Full PDB file with SEQRES, HELIX, SHEET, SSBOND, CRYST1, ORIGX, SCALE, CONECT and MASTER records, all heavy atoms in Angstrom:
SEQRES   1 A   39  TYR LEU LYS HIS PHE GLY LYS THR LEU PRO ILE GLU VAL          
SEQRES   2 A   39  TYR ASN LYS TYR THR THR LYS GLN ASP LEU ASP PHE PHE          
SEQRES   3 A   39  LEU SER GLU MET ARG SER LYS VAL LEU GLY LEU ILE SER          
HELIX    1 AA1 LYS A    3  PHE A    5  5                                   3    
HELIX    2 AA2 LYS A   20  MET A   30  1                                  11    
CRYST1    1.000    1.000    1.000  90.00  90.00  90.00 P 1           1          
ORIGX1      1.000000  0.000000  0.000000        0.00000                         
ORIGX2      0.000000  1.000000  0.000000        0.00000                         
ORIGX3      0.000000  0.000000  1.000000        0.00000                         
SCALE1      1.000000  0.000000  0.000000        0.00000                         
SCALE2      0.000000  1.000000  0.000000        0.00000                         
SCALE3      0.000000  0.000000  1.000000        0.00000                         
ATOM      1  N   TYR A   1     159.770 -67.468 -16.516  1.00  0.00           N  
ATOM      2  CA  TYR A   1     160.927 -67.211 -17.373  1.00  0.00           C  
ATOM      3  C   TYR A   1     161.164 -65.713 -17.508  1.00  0.00           C  
ATOM      4  O   TYR A   1     162.266 -65.227 -17.283  1.00  0.00           O  
ATOM      5  CB  TYR A   1     160.658 -67.847 -18.740  1.00  0.00           C  
ATOM      6  CG  TYR A   1     161.807 -67.824 -19.711  1.00  0.00           C  
ATOM      7  CD1 TYR A   1     162.774 -68.822 -19.673  1.00  0.00           C  
ATOM      8  CD2 TYR A   1     161.910 -66.849 -20.692  1.00  0.00           C  
ATOM      9  CE1 TYR A   1     163.822 -68.839 -20.588  1.00  0.00           C  
ATOM     10  CE2 TYR A   1     162.948 -66.853 -21.606  1.00  0.00           C  
ATOM     11  CZ  TYR A   1     163.898 -67.857 -21.549  1.00  0.00           C  
ATOM     12  OH  TYR A   1     164.927 -67.863 -22.452  1.00  0.00           O  
ATOM     13  N   LEU A   2     160.128 -64.982 -17.860  1.00  0.00           N  
ATOM     14  CA  LEU A   2     160.264 -63.533 -18.039  1.00  0.00           C  
ATOM     15  C   LEU A   2     160.630 -62.833 -16.736  1.00  0.00           C  
ATOM     16  O   LEU A   2     161.407 -61.881 -16.731  1.00  0.00           O  
ATOM     17  CB  LEU A   2     158.977 -62.951 -18.617  1.00  0.00           C  
ATOM     18  CG  LEU A   2     158.667 -63.342 -20.064  1.00  0.00           C  
ATOM     19  CD1 LEU A   2     157.286 -62.856 -20.458  1.00  0.00           C  
ATOM     20  CD2 LEU A   2     159.728 -62.809 -21.011  1.00  0.00           C  
ATOM     21  N   LYS A   3     160.062 -63.301 -15.632  1.00  0.00           N  
ATOM     22  CA  LYS A   3     160.352 -62.700 -14.328  1.00  0.00           C  
ATOM     23  C   LYS A   3     161.840 -62.795 -14.017  1.00  0.00           C  
ATOM     24  O   LYS A   3     162.420 -61.855 -13.464  1.00  0.00           O  
ATOM     25  CB  LYS A   3     159.529 -63.392 -13.240  1.00  0.00           C  
ATOM     26  CG  LYS A   3     159.717 -62.800 -11.868  1.00  0.00           C  
ATOM     27  CD  LYS A   3     158.844 -63.500 -10.843  1.00  0.00           C  
ATOM     28  CE  LYS A   3     159.067 -62.885  -9.475  1.00  0.00           C  
ATOM     29  NZ  LYS A   3     158.288 -63.573  -8.445  1.00  0.00           N  
ATOM     30  N   HIS A   4     162.448 -63.906 -14.379  1.00  0.00           N  
ATOM     31  CA  HIS A   4     163.884 -64.076 -14.140  1.00  0.00           C  
ATOM     32  C   HIS A   4     164.689 -62.974 -14.827  1.00  0.00           C  
ATOM     33  O   HIS A   4     165.716 -62.535 -14.316  1.00  0.00           O  
ATOM     34  CB  HIS A   4     164.356 -65.451 -14.615  1.00  0.00           C  
ATOM     35  CG  HIS A   4     165.824 -65.660 -14.442  1.00  0.00           C  
ATOM     36  ND1 HIS A   4     166.380 -65.977 -13.230  1.00  0.00           N  
ATOM     37  CD2 HIS A   4     166.849 -65.555 -15.312  1.00  0.00           C  
ATOM     38  CE1 HIS A   4     167.690 -66.071 -13.362  1.00  0.00           C  
ATOM     39  NE2 HIS A   4     168.005 -65.822 -14.616  1.00  0.00           N  
ATOM     40  N   PHE A   5     164.217 -62.519 -15.982  1.00  0.00           N  
ATOM     41  CA  PHE A   5     164.923 -61.494 -16.743  1.00  0.00           C  
ATOM     42  C   PHE A   5     164.374 -60.089 -16.492  1.00  0.00           C  
ATOM     43  O   PHE A   5     164.805 -59.130 -17.126  1.00  0.00           O  
ATOM     44  CB  PHE A   5     164.864 -61.814 -18.240  1.00  0.00           C  
ATOM     45  CG  PHE A   5     165.595 -63.079 -18.587  1.00  0.00           C  
ATOM     46  CD1 PHE A   5     164.907 -64.266 -18.775  1.00  0.00           C  
ATOM     47  CD2 PHE A   5     166.975 -63.095 -18.695  1.00  0.00           C  
ATOM     48  CE1 PHE A   5     165.574 -65.442 -19.078  1.00  0.00           C  
ATOM     49  CE2 PHE A   5     167.660 -64.264 -18.988  1.00  0.00           C  
ATOM     50  CZ  PHE A   5     166.955 -65.438 -19.182  1.00  0.00           C  
ATOM     51  N   GLY A   6     163.409 -59.977 -15.585  1.00  0.00           N  
ATOM     52  CA  GLY A   6     162.840 -58.668 -15.274  1.00  0.00           C  
ATOM     53  C   GLY A   6     162.063 -58.071 -16.433  1.00  0.00           C  
ATOM     54  O   GLY A   6     162.040 -56.861 -16.609  1.00  0.00           O  
ATOM     55  N   LYS A   7     161.409 -58.914 -17.203  1.00  0.00           N  
ATOM     56  CA  LYS A   7     160.717 -58.477 -18.424  1.00  0.00           C  
ATOM     57  C   LYS A   7     159.252 -58.884 -18.369  1.00  0.00           C  
ATOM     58  O   LYS A   7     158.898 -59.921 -17.825  1.00  0.00           O  
ATOM     59  CB  LYS A   7     161.405 -59.136 -19.630  1.00  0.00           C  
ATOM     60  CG  LYS A   7     160.857 -58.785 -20.965  1.00  0.00           C  
ATOM     61  CD  LYS A   7     161.391 -57.462 -21.437  1.00  0.00           C  
ATOM     62  CE  LYS A   7     160.946 -57.220 -22.875  1.00  0.00           C  
ATOM     63  NZ  LYS A   7     161.158 -55.882 -23.313  1.00  0.00           N  
ATOM     64  N   THR A   8     158.394 -58.042 -18.919  1.00  0.00           N  
ATOM     65  CA  THR A   8     156.996 -58.414 -19.115  1.00  0.00           C  
ATOM     66  C   THR A   8     156.693 -58.299 -20.603  1.00  0.00           C  
ATOM     67  O   THR A   8     157.140 -57.360 -21.263  1.00  0.00           O  
ATOM     68  CB  THR A   8     156.034 -57.514 -18.317  1.00  0.00           C  
ATOM     69  OG1 THR A   8     156.256 -56.158 -18.693  1.00  0.00           O  
ATOM     70  CG2 THR A   8     156.236 -57.670 -16.830  1.00  0.00           C  
ATOM     71  N   LEU A   9     155.974 -59.260 -21.115  1.00  0.00           N  
ATOM     72  CA  LEU A   9     155.601 -59.310 -22.531  1.00  0.00           C  
ATOM     73  C   LEU A   9     154.227 -59.954 -22.658  1.00  0.00           C  
ATOM     74  O   LEU A   9     153.835 -60.755 -21.804  1.00  0.00           O  
ATOM     75  CB  LEU A   9     156.575 -60.195 -23.314  1.00  0.00           C  
ATOM     76  CG  LEU A   9     157.963 -59.693 -23.617  1.00  0.00           C  
ATOM     77  CD1 LEU A   9     158.820 -60.826 -24.164  1.00  0.00           C  
ATOM     78  CD2 LEU A   9     157.899 -58.556 -24.609  1.00  0.00           C  
ATOM     79  N   PRO A  10     153.532 -59.667 -23.745  1.00  0.00           N  
ATOM     80  CA  PRO A  10     152.331 -60.448 -24.031  1.00  0.00           C  
ATOM     81  C   PRO A  10     152.747 -61.896 -24.297  1.00  0.00           C  
ATOM     82  O   PRO A  10     153.808 -62.145 -24.881  1.00  0.00           O  
ATOM     83  CB  PRO A  10     151.758 -59.803 -25.290  1.00  0.00           C  
ATOM     84  CG  PRO A  10     152.510 -58.545 -25.513  1.00  0.00           C  
ATOM     85  CD  PRO A  10     153.770 -58.623 -24.727  1.00  0.00           C  
ATOM     86  N   ILE A  11     151.917 -62.825 -23.859  1.00  0.00           N  
ATOM     87  CA  ILE A  11     152.205 -64.253 -24.010  1.00  0.00           C  
ATOM     88  C   ILE A  11     151.053 -64.919 -24.746  1.00  0.00           C  
ATOM     89  O   ILE A  11     149.883 -64.699 -24.410  1.00  0.00           O  
ATOM     90  CB  ILE A  11     152.394 -64.926 -22.633  1.00  0.00           C  
ATOM     91  CG1 ILE A  11     153.564 -64.292 -21.890  1.00  0.00           C  
ATOM     92  CG2 ILE A  11     152.572 -66.430 -22.780  1.00  0.00           C  
ATOM     93  CD1 ILE A  11     153.637 -64.674 -20.422  1.00  0.00           C  
ATOM     94  N   GLU A  12     151.398 -65.746 -25.718  1.00  0.00           N  
ATOM     95  CA  GLU A  12     150.432 -66.602 -26.411  1.00  0.00           C  
ATOM     96  C   GLU A  12     150.878 -68.040 -26.204  1.00  0.00           C  
ATOM     97  O   GLU A  12     152.081 -68.334 -26.242  1.00  0.00           O  
ATOM     98  CB  GLU A  12     150.386 -66.297 -27.914  1.00  0.00           C  
ATOM     99  CG  GLU A  12     149.812 -64.951 -28.264  1.00  0.00           C  
ATOM    100  CD  GLU A  12     148.285 -64.900 -28.170  1.00  0.00           C  
ATOM    101  OE1 GLU A  12     147.634 -65.964 -28.207  1.00  0.00           O  
ATOM    102  OE2 GLU A  12     147.766 -63.786 -28.057  1.00  0.00           O  
ATOM    103  N   VAL A  13     149.923 -68.938 -25.999  1.00  0.00           N  
ATOM    104  CA  VAL A  13     150.252 -70.344 -25.794  1.00  0.00           C  
ATOM    105  C   VAL A  13     150.510 -71.005 -27.150  1.00  0.00           C  
ATOM    106  O   VAL A  13     149.754 -70.833 -28.098  1.00  0.00           O  
ATOM    107  CB  VAL A  13     149.118 -71.073 -25.041  1.00  0.00           C  
ATOM    108  CG1 VAL A  13     149.374 -72.566 -24.981  1.00  0.00           C  
ATOM    109  CG2 VAL A  13     148.971 -70.505 -23.636  1.00  0.00           C  
ATOM    110  N   TYR A  14     151.624 -71.722 -27.231  1.00  0.00           N  
ATOM    111  CA  TYR A  14     151.983 -72.520 -28.399  1.00  0.00           C  
ATOM    112  C   TYR A  14     152.335 -73.908 -27.884  1.00  0.00           C  
ATOM    113  O   TYR A  14     153.346 -74.087 -27.197  1.00  0.00           O  
ATOM    114  CB  TYR A  14     153.171 -71.904 -29.145  1.00  0.00           C  
ATOM    115  CG  TYR A  14     153.583 -72.735 -30.345  1.00  0.00           C  
ATOM    116  CD1 TYR A  14     153.013 -72.512 -31.586  1.00  0.00           C  
ATOM    117  CD2 TYR A  14     154.501 -73.757 -30.219  1.00  0.00           C  
ATOM    118  CE1 TYR A  14     153.354 -73.292 -32.676  1.00  0.00           C  
ATOM    119  CE2 TYR A  14     154.851 -74.540 -31.299  1.00  0.00           C  
ATOM    120  CZ  TYR A  14     154.283 -74.308 -32.518  1.00  0.00           C  
ATOM    121  OH  TYR A  14     154.620 -75.089 -33.592  1.00  0.00           O  
ATOM    122  N   ASN A  15     151.471 -74.875 -28.167  1.00  0.00           N  
ATOM    123  CA  ASN A  15     151.708 -76.241 -27.710  1.00  0.00           C  
ATOM    124  C   ASN A  15     151.085 -77.218 -28.711  1.00  0.00           C  
ATOM    125  O   ASN A  15     150.730 -76.819 -29.824  1.00  0.00           O  
ATOM    126  CB  ASN A  15     151.177 -76.452 -26.286  1.00  0.00           C  
ATOM    127  CG  ASN A  15     149.700 -76.146 -26.167  1.00  0.00           C  
ATOM    128  OD1 ASN A  15     148.940 -76.264 -27.116  1.00  0.00           O  
ATOM    129  ND2 ASN A  15     149.272 -75.742 -24.976  1.00  0.00           N  
ATOM    130  N   LYS A  16     150.937 -78.457 -28.316  1.00  0.00           N  
ATOM    131  CA  LYS A  16     150.418 -79.466 -29.253  1.00  0.00           C  
ATOM    132  C   LYS A  16     148.966 -79.212 -29.643  1.00  0.00           C  
ATOM    133  O   LYS A  16     148.473 -79.805 -30.591  1.00  0.00           O  
ATOM    134  CB  LYS A  16     150.595 -80.871 -28.674  1.00  0.00           C  
ATOM    135  CG  LYS A  16     149.831 -81.126 -27.393  1.00  0.00           C  
ATOM    136  CD  LYS A  16     150.148 -82.503 -26.862  1.00  0.00           C  
ATOM    137  CE  LYS A  16     149.426 -82.758 -25.552  1.00  0.00           C  
ATOM    138  NZ  LYS A  16     149.759 -84.079 -25.010  1.00  0.00           N  
ATOM    139  N   TYR A  17     148.288 -78.313 -28.963  1.00  0.00           N  
ATOM    140  CA  TYR A  17     146.895 -77.997 -29.286  1.00  0.00           C  
ATOM    141  C   TYR A  17     146.757 -76.734 -30.145  1.00  0.00           C  
ATOM    142  O   TYR A  17     145.657 -76.307 -30.458  1.00  0.00           O  
ATOM    143  CB  TYR A  17     146.078 -77.828 -28.006  1.00  0.00           C  
ATOM    144  CG  TYR A  17     146.129 -79.053 -27.121  1.00  0.00           C  
ATOM    145  CD1 TYR A  17     146.840 -79.030 -25.920  1.00  0.00           C  
ATOM    146  CD2 TYR A  17     145.507 -80.234 -27.498  1.00  0.00           C  
ATOM    147  CE1 TYR A  17     146.915 -80.160 -25.119  1.00  0.00           C  
ATOM    148  CE2 TYR A  17     145.590 -81.363 -26.705  1.00  0.00           C  
ATOM    149  CZ  TYR A  17     146.281 -81.315 -25.517  1.00  0.00           C  
ATOM    150  OH  TYR A  17     146.358 -82.436 -24.732  1.00  0.00           O  
ATOM    151  N   THR A  18     147.864 -76.143 -30.521  1.00  0.00           N  
ATOM    152  CA  THR A  18     147.843 -74.935 -31.344  1.00  0.00           C  
ATOM    153  C   THR A  18     147.225 -75.259 -32.703  1.00  0.00           C  
ATOM    154  O   THR A  18     147.592 -76.254 -33.332  1.00  0.00           O  
ATOM    155  CB  THR A  18     149.272 -74.380 -31.508  1.00  0.00           C  
ATOM    156  OG1 THR A  18     149.763 -74.035 -30.211  1.00  0.00           O  
ATOM    157  CG2 THR A  18     149.300 -73.153 -32.390  1.00  0.00           C  
ATOM    158  N   THR A  19     146.314 -74.409 -33.144  1.00  0.00           N  
ATOM    159  CA  THR A  19     145.584 -74.649 -34.396  1.00  0.00           C  
ATOM    160  C   THR A  19     146.288 -73.994 -35.584  1.00  0.00           C  
ATOM    161  O   THR A  19     147.178 -73.156 -35.418  1.00  0.00           O  
ATOM    162  CB  THR A  19     144.161 -74.074 -34.304  1.00  0.00           C  
ATOM    163  OG1 THR A  19     144.256 -72.643 -34.199  1.00  0.00           O  
ATOM    164  CG2 THR A  19     143.405 -74.639 -33.110  1.00  0.00           C  
ATOM    165  N   LYS A  20     145.857 -74.346 -36.771  1.00  0.00           N  
ATOM    166  CA  LYS A  20     146.382 -73.720 -37.983  1.00  0.00           C  
ATOM    167  C   LYS A  20     146.077 -72.230 -37.979  1.00  0.00           C  
ATOM    168  O   LYS A  20     146.900 -71.414 -38.411  1.00  0.00           O  
ATOM    169  CB  LYS A  20     145.790 -74.371 -39.225  1.00  0.00           C  
ATOM    170  CG  LYS A  20     146.235 -73.652 -40.495  1.00  0.00           C  
ATOM    171  CD  LYS A  20     146.147 -74.469 -41.713  1.00  0.00           C  
ATOM    172  CE  LYS A  20     146.547 -73.776 -42.980  1.00  0.00           C  
ATOM    173  NZ  LYS A  20     147.043 -72.440 -42.948  1.00  0.00           N  
ATOM    174  N   GLN A  21     144.919 -71.848 -37.469  1.00  0.00           N  
ATOM    175  CA  GLN A  21     144.574 -70.429 -37.379  1.00  0.00           C  
ATOM    176  C   GLN A  21     145.547 -69.691 -36.464  1.00  0.00           C  
ATOM    177  O   GLN A  21     145.939 -68.564 -36.749  1.00  0.00           O  
ATOM    178  CB  GLN A  21     143.127 -70.237 -36.882  1.00  0.00           C  
ATOM    179  CG  GLN A  21     142.072 -70.683 -37.867  1.00  0.00           C  
ATOM    180  CD  GLN A  21     141.827 -72.194 -37.845  1.00  0.00           C  
ATOM    181  OE1 GLN A  21     142.311 -72.919 -36.975  1.00  0.00           O  
ATOM    182  NE2 GLN A  21     141.113 -72.681 -38.832  1.00  0.00           N  
ATOM    183  N   ASP A  22     145.931 -70.337 -35.375  1.00  0.00           N  
ATOM    184  CA  ASP A  22     146.934 -69.747 -34.477  1.00  0.00           C  
ATOM    185  C   ASP A  22     148.258 -69.569 -35.203  1.00  0.00           C  
ATOM    186  O   ASP A  22     148.896 -68.521 -35.100  1.00  0.00           O  
ATOM    187  CB  ASP A  22     147.156 -70.620 -33.231  1.00  0.00           C  
ATOM    188  CG  ASP A  22     145.948 -70.684 -32.317  1.00  0.00           C  
ATOM    189  OD1 ASP A  22     145.175 -69.712 -32.269  1.00  0.00           O  
ATOM    190  OD2 ASP A  22     145.793 -71.722 -31.649  1.00  0.00           O  
ATOM    191  N   LEU A  23     148.675 -70.601 -35.938  1.00  0.00           N  
ATOM    192  CA  LEU A  23     149.927 -70.521 -36.689  1.00  0.00           C  
ATOM    193  C   LEU A  23     149.881 -69.387 -37.709  1.00  0.00           C  
ATOM    194  O   LEU A  23     150.850 -68.648 -37.870  1.00  0.00           O  
ATOM    195  CB  LEU A  23     150.224 -71.842 -37.387  1.00  0.00           C  
ATOM    196  CG  LEU A  23     150.651 -73.006 -36.487  1.00  0.00           C  
ATOM    197  CD1 LEU A  23     150.769 -74.292 -37.299  1.00  0.00           C  
ATOM    198  CD2 LEU A  23     151.945 -72.700 -35.781  1.00  0.00           C  
ATOM    199  N   ASP A  24     148.752 -69.238 -38.382  1.00  0.00           N  
ATOM    200  CA  ASP A  24     148.598 -68.148 -39.351  1.00  0.00           C  
ATOM    201  C   ASP A  24     148.705 -66.787 -38.664  1.00  0.00           C  
ATOM    202  O   ASP A  24     149.309 -65.859 -39.195  1.00  0.00           O  
ATOM    203  CB  ASP A  24     147.262 -68.258 -40.090  1.00  0.00           C  
ATOM    204  CG  ASP A  24     147.221 -69.444 -41.046  1.00  0.00           C  
ATOM    205  OD1 ASP A  24     148.303 -69.955 -41.417  1.00  0.00           O  
ATOM    206  OD2 ASP A  24     146.105 -69.862 -41.411  1.00  0.00           O  
ATOM    207  N   PHE A  25     148.114 -66.668 -37.473  1.00  0.00           N  
ATOM    208  CA  PHE A  25     148.214 -65.424 -36.705  1.00  0.00           C  
ATOM    209  C   PHE A  25     149.669 -65.140 -36.335  1.00  0.00           C  
ATOM    210  O   PHE A  25     150.161 -64.021 -36.512  1.00  0.00           O  
ATOM    211  CB  PHE A  25     147.349 -65.490 -35.445  1.00  0.00           C  
ATOM    212  CG  PHE A  25     147.607 -64.369 -34.485  1.00  0.00           C  
ATOM    213  CD1 PHE A  25     147.166 -63.080 -34.752  1.00  0.00           C  
ATOM    214  CD2 PHE A  25     148.311 -64.597 -33.305  1.00  0.00           C  
ATOM    215  CE1 PHE A  25     147.425 -62.043 -33.873  1.00  0.00           C  
ATOM    216  CE2 PHE A  25     148.572 -63.565 -32.415  1.00  0.00           C  
ATOM    217  CZ  PHE A  25     148.125 -62.281 -32.704  1.00  0.00           C  
ATOM    218  N   PHE A  26     150.374 -66.156 -35.837  1.00  0.00           N  
ATOM    219  CA  PHE A  26     151.777 -65.975 -35.464  1.00  0.00           C  
ATOM    220  C   PHE A  26     152.603 -65.564 -36.682  1.00  0.00           C  
ATOM    221  O   PHE A  26     153.456 -64.679 -36.591  1.00  0.00           O  
ATOM    222  CB  PHE A  26     152.354 -67.248 -34.844  1.00  0.00           C  
ATOM    223  CG  PHE A  26     151.651 -67.717 -33.596  1.00  0.00           C  
ATOM    224  CD1 PHE A  26     151.612 -69.059 -33.272  1.00  0.00           C  
ATOM    225  CD2 PHE A  26     151.017 -66.820 -32.743  1.00  0.00           C  
ATOM    226  CE1 PHE A  26     150.983 -69.507 -32.120  1.00  0.00           C  
ATOM    227  CE2 PHE A  26     150.380 -67.250 -31.584  1.00  0.00           C  
ATOM    228  CZ  PHE A  26     150.359 -68.600 -31.281  1.00  0.00           C  
ATOM    229  N   LEU A  27     152.319 -66.203 -37.809  1.00  0.00           N  
ATOM    230  CA  LEU A  27     153.037 -65.866 -39.039  1.00  0.00           C  
ATOM    231  C   LEU A  27     152.809 -64.409 -39.428  1.00  0.00           C  
ATOM    232  O   LEU A  27     153.756 -63.688 -39.762  1.00  0.00           O  
ATOM    233  CB  LEU A  27     152.592 -66.791 -40.168  1.00  0.00           C  
ATOM    234  CG  LEU A  27     153.260 -66.600 -41.513  1.00  0.00           C  
ATOM    235  CD1 LEU A  27     154.745 -66.915 -41.424  1.00  0.00           C  
ATOM    236  CD2 LEU A  27     152.593 -67.473 -42.555  1.00  0.00           C  
ATOM    237  N   SER A  28     151.581 -63.950 -39.344  1.00  0.00           N  
ATOM    238  CA  SER A  28     151.292 -62.554 -39.692  1.00  0.00           C  
ATOM    239  C   SER A  28     151.977 -61.597 -38.715  1.00  0.00           C  
ATOM    240  O   SER A  28     152.468 -60.544 -39.126  1.00  0.00           O  
ATOM    241  CB  SER A  28     149.787 -62.297 -39.737  1.00  0.00           C  
ATOM    242  OG  SER A  28     149.218 -62.362 -38.449  1.00  0.00           O  
ATOM    243  N   GLU A  29     152.048 -61.950 -37.457  1.00  0.00           N  
ATOM    244  CA  GLU A  29     152.724 -61.117 -36.459  1.00  0.00           C  
ATOM    245  C   GLU A  29     154.225 -61.031 -36.738  1.00  0.00           C  
ATOM    246  O   GLU A  29     154.829 -59.971 -36.574  1.00  0.00           O  
ATOM    247  CB  GLU A  29     152.496 -61.669 -35.047  1.00  0.00           C  
ATOM    248  CG  GLU A  29     151.079 -61.489 -34.533  1.00  0.00           C  
ATOM    249  CD  GLU A  29     150.750 -60.040 -34.258  1.00  0.00           C  
ATOM    250  OE1 GLU A  29     151.300 -59.470 -33.308  1.00  0.00           O  
ATOM    251  OE2 GLU A  29     149.946 -59.479 -35.027  1.00  0.00           O  
ATOM    252  N   MET A  30     154.812 -62.134 -37.199  1.00  0.00           N  
ATOM    253  CA  MET A  30     156.257 -62.156 -37.436  1.00  0.00           C  
ATOM    254  C   MET A  30     156.673 -61.318 -38.643  1.00  0.00           C  
ATOM    255  O   MET A  30     157.849 -61.036 -38.811  1.00  0.00           O  
ATOM    256  CB  MET A  30     156.749 -63.592 -37.604  1.00  0.00           C  
ATOM    257  CG  MET A  30     156.852 -64.317 -36.288  1.00  0.00           C  
ATOM    258  SD  MET A  30     157.563 -65.955 -36.461  1.00  0.00           S  
ATOM    259  CE  MET A  30     156.140 -66.888 -37.010  1.00  0.00           C  
ATOM    260  N   ARG A  31     155.738 -60.924 -39.438  1.00  0.00           N  
ATOM    261  CA  ARG A  31     156.071 -60.080 -40.592  1.00  0.00           C  
ATOM    262  C   ARG A  31     156.476 -58.673 -40.152  1.00  0.00           C  
ATOM    263  O   ARG A  31     157.201 -57.995 -40.862  1.00  0.00           O  
ATOM    264  CB  ARG A  31     154.915 -60.037 -41.566  1.00  0.00           C  
ATOM    265  CG  ARG A  31     154.632 -61.393 -42.192  1.00  0.00           C  
ATOM    266  CD  ARG A  31     153.718 -61.300 -43.385  1.00  0.00           C  
ATOM    267  NE  ARG A  31     153.296 -62.600 -43.844  1.00  0.00           N  
ATOM    268  CZ  ARG A  31     154.040 -63.449 -44.537  1.00  0.00           C  
ATOM    269  NH1 ARG A  31     155.279 -63.132 -44.820  1.00  0.00           N  
ATOM    270  NH2 ARG A  31     153.566 -64.608 -44.935  1.00  0.00           N  
ATOM    271  N   SER A  32     156.006 -58.250 -38.975  1.00  0.00           N  
ATOM    272  CA  SER A  32     156.343 -56.902 -38.512  1.00  0.00           C  
ATOM    273  C   SER A  32     156.897 -56.862 -37.088  1.00  0.00           C  
ATOM    274  O   SER A  32     157.307 -55.807 -36.624  1.00  0.00           O  
ATOM    275  CB  SER A  32     155.093 -56.005 -38.581  1.00  0.00           C  
ATOM    276  OG  SER A  32     154.075 -56.519 -37.742  1.00  0.00           O  
ATOM    277  N   LYS A  33     156.902 -57.985 -36.403  1.00  0.00           N  
ATOM    278  CA  LYS A  33     157.356 -58.036 -35.015  1.00  0.00           C  
ATOM    279  C   LYS A  33     158.343 -59.175 -34.819  1.00  0.00           C  
ATOM    280  O   LYS A  33     158.467 -60.060 -35.654  1.00  0.00           O  
ATOM    281  CB  LYS A  33     156.159 -58.262 -34.079  1.00  0.00           C  
ATOM    282  CG  LYS A  33     155.140 -57.146 -34.102  1.00  0.00           C  
ATOM    283  CD  LYS A  33     153.987 -57.461 -33.181  1.00  0.00           C  
ATOM    284  CE  LYS A  33     152.948 -56.336 -33.234  1.00  0.00           C  
ATOM    285  NZ  LYS A  33     151.767 -56.667 -32.461  1.00  0.00           N  
ATOM    286  N   VAL A  34     159.006 -59.142 -33.679  1.00  0.00           N  
ATOM    287  CA  VAL A  34     159.903 -60.231 -33.285  1.00  0.00           C  
ATOM    288  C   VAL A  34     159.169 -61.075 -32.257  1.00  0.00           C  
ATOM    289  O   VAL A  34     158.723 -60.562 -31.222  1.00  0.00           O  
ATOM    290  CB  VAL A  34     161.219 -59.689 -32.689  1.00  0.00           C  
ATOM    291  CG1 VAL A  34     162.103 -60.837 -32.211  1.00  0.00           C  
ATOM    292  CG2 VAL A  34     161.949 -58.827 -33.704  1.00  0.00           C  
ATOM    293  N   LEU A  35     159.027 -62.362 -32.546  1.00  0.00           N  
ATOM    294  CA  LEU A  35     158.401 -63.290 -31.612  1.00  0.00           C  
ATOM    295  C   LEU A  35     159.467 -64.191 -31.020  1.00  0.00           C  
ATOM    296  O   LEU A  35     160.420 -64.581 -31.708  1.00  0.00           O  
ATOM    297  CB  LEU A  35     157.346 -64.151 -32.317  1.00  0.00           C  
ATOM    298  CG  LEU A  35     155.940 -63.559 -32.428  1.00  0.00           C  
ATOM    299  CD1 LEU A  35     155.923 -62.292 -33.237  1.00  0.00           C  
ATOM    300  CD2 LEU A  35     154.973 -64.576 -32.985  1.00  0.00           C  
ATOM    301  N   GLY A  36     159.314 -64.498 -29.753  1.00  0.00           N  
ATOM    302  CA  GLY A  36     160.183 -65.451 -29.090  1.00  0.00           C  
ATOM    303  C   GLY A  36     159.402 -66.714 -28.824  1.00  0.00           C  
ATOM    304  O   GLY A  36     158.184 -66.669 -28.652  1.00  0.00           O  
ATOM    305  N   LEU A  37     160.066 -67.851 -28.817  1.00  0.00           N  
ATOM    306  CA  LEU A  37     159.422 -69.131 -28.540  1.00  0.00           C  
ATOM    307  C   LEU A  37     160.232 -69.873 -27.494  1.00  0.00           C  
ATOM    308  O   LEU A  37     161.441 -70.065 -27.655  1.00  0.00           O  
ATOM    309  CB  LEU A  37     159.329 -69.962 -29.823  1.00  0.00           C  
ATOM    310  CG  LEU A  37     158.791 -71.387 -29.671  1.00  0.00           C  
ATOM    311  CD1 LEU A  37     157.345 -71.393 -29.169  1.00  0.00           C  
ATOM    312  CD2 LEU A  37     158.894 -72.130 -30.997  1.00  0.00           C  
ATOM    313  N   ILE A  38     159.567 -70.258 -26.406  1.00  0.00           N  
ATOM    314  CA  ILE A  38     160.202 -71.108 -25.392  1.00  0.00           C  
ATOM    315  C   ILE A  38     159.340 -72.339 -25.175  1.00  0.00           C  
ATOM    316  O   ILE A  38     158.121 -72.321 -25.382  1.00  0.00           O  
ATOM    317  CB  ILE A  38     160.412 -70.391 -24.034  1.00  0.00           C  
ATOM    318  CG1 ILE A  38     159.087 -69.942 -23.424  1.00  0.00           C  
ATOM    319  CG2 ILE A  38     161.383 -69.259 -24.153  1.00  0.00           C  
ATOM    320  CD1 ILE A  38     159.188 -69.518 -21.975  1.00  0.00           C  
ATOM    321  N   SER A  39     159.984 -73.413 -24.762  1.00  0.00           N  
ATOM    322  CA  SER A  39     159.262 -74.588 -24.310  1.00  0.00           C  
ATOM    323  C   SER A  39     159.357 -74.599 -22.785  1.00  0.00           C  
ATOM    324  O   SER A  39     160.036 -73.769 -22.199  1.00  0.00           O  
ATOM    325  CB  SER A  39     159.868 -75.854 -24.932  1.00  0.00           C  
ATOM    326  OG  SER A  39     161.213 -75.975 -24.581  1.00  0.00           O  
TER     327      SER A  39                                                      
MASTER        0    0    0    2    0    0    0    6  326    1    0    3          
END                                                                             
């Protein structure tokens, strides 16, 4: 997906196995950063 747009970004996996701790991390990141989500 990113290659199509000529962009590189850090990637974190978000799927049905994502834990509550992962969600808490994403939430803390969104307080100061912009996160994108794709399926």
